[in-house]
Each structure stands twice: as C-alpha cells, then as structure tokens.
Amino acid sequence: SHTEFTVNINSQPGPMGFEYTSGTGEITTVDAGSVAAVHGIRPGDILLSVNGMLVGPTADGDVTEAVQQRPVVLQIREGATRGEPTDPEPPAPPEPGLLLQAAAAAADAARTLGAKLGLVDTR
C-alpha cells in the first residue's frame, strides 16, 4: 500500500505550483521550488482531499479555489511512480517582429523628444 500524508500550509495565499487530473486527483506536474515541491508533493501522487473536501469529478472548481486559500490542509497518497519536480515551462519568447517594432517605436520617440528639446537637428 502507498503511504498517505498530510500537508499543512500556512504561507501566503496563492498558487501551489502543481497540476492534477480532475476526477482522479493524480498530480501530473510539480514546479521545482514551488510550495508543493517544498512540502514533498511529487508528480504521480494522488490528491485525496483539500481541507477535508474529497477530490472528485464534481468538486474540481471548489478544489482549485480551495488549494489557493491559507491555511490549507492537503491529504496526499504517494503515487506508485513518483517523479521529481520539474522547472516550469518558460514563457514563449516574443516574436522577432515585435521586438523590431518596439525598437523602431523607441527610436522614433527618442528622435521626437530630442527635436522638442532642441537636441536633434531635424533638417
């Protein structure tokens, strides 16, 4: 049988740093360094309850809100295949065209300001 453990969290309200499958409660990802990771939650673990509310297909919305409250008490069962926390997905880099547009707009603004201050010869 797999070990069950309780996690009591009293930190600032906010994201826990994990995602789970609604209905089964299986934790699919845990962000490295997150509140969840620090408290020993790993991918593959099963989220059984949040503040005494059982995790199930009908409780999904309430659970999502409840895990962000503090204090919060999570009941977890270690999964058969526990993984390690992973670094969160980095944000997608901006499109190169957007950077060029921003640089051109900044250059135009600098020229306009310079002309208004008499620092740039606009002839």
Foldseek 3Di string as FASTA:
>chain_A
DWDKDKDWDADAFDDQQWDADAAFQFTQAHAPPGNCQVRPDFGQKGWQDKQPHGGHNVCVVVVVVRNRDPGIMTMITHGPDTDHHYHDDDDDDDDPVVVVVVVVVVVVVVQVVCVVVVNDDPD
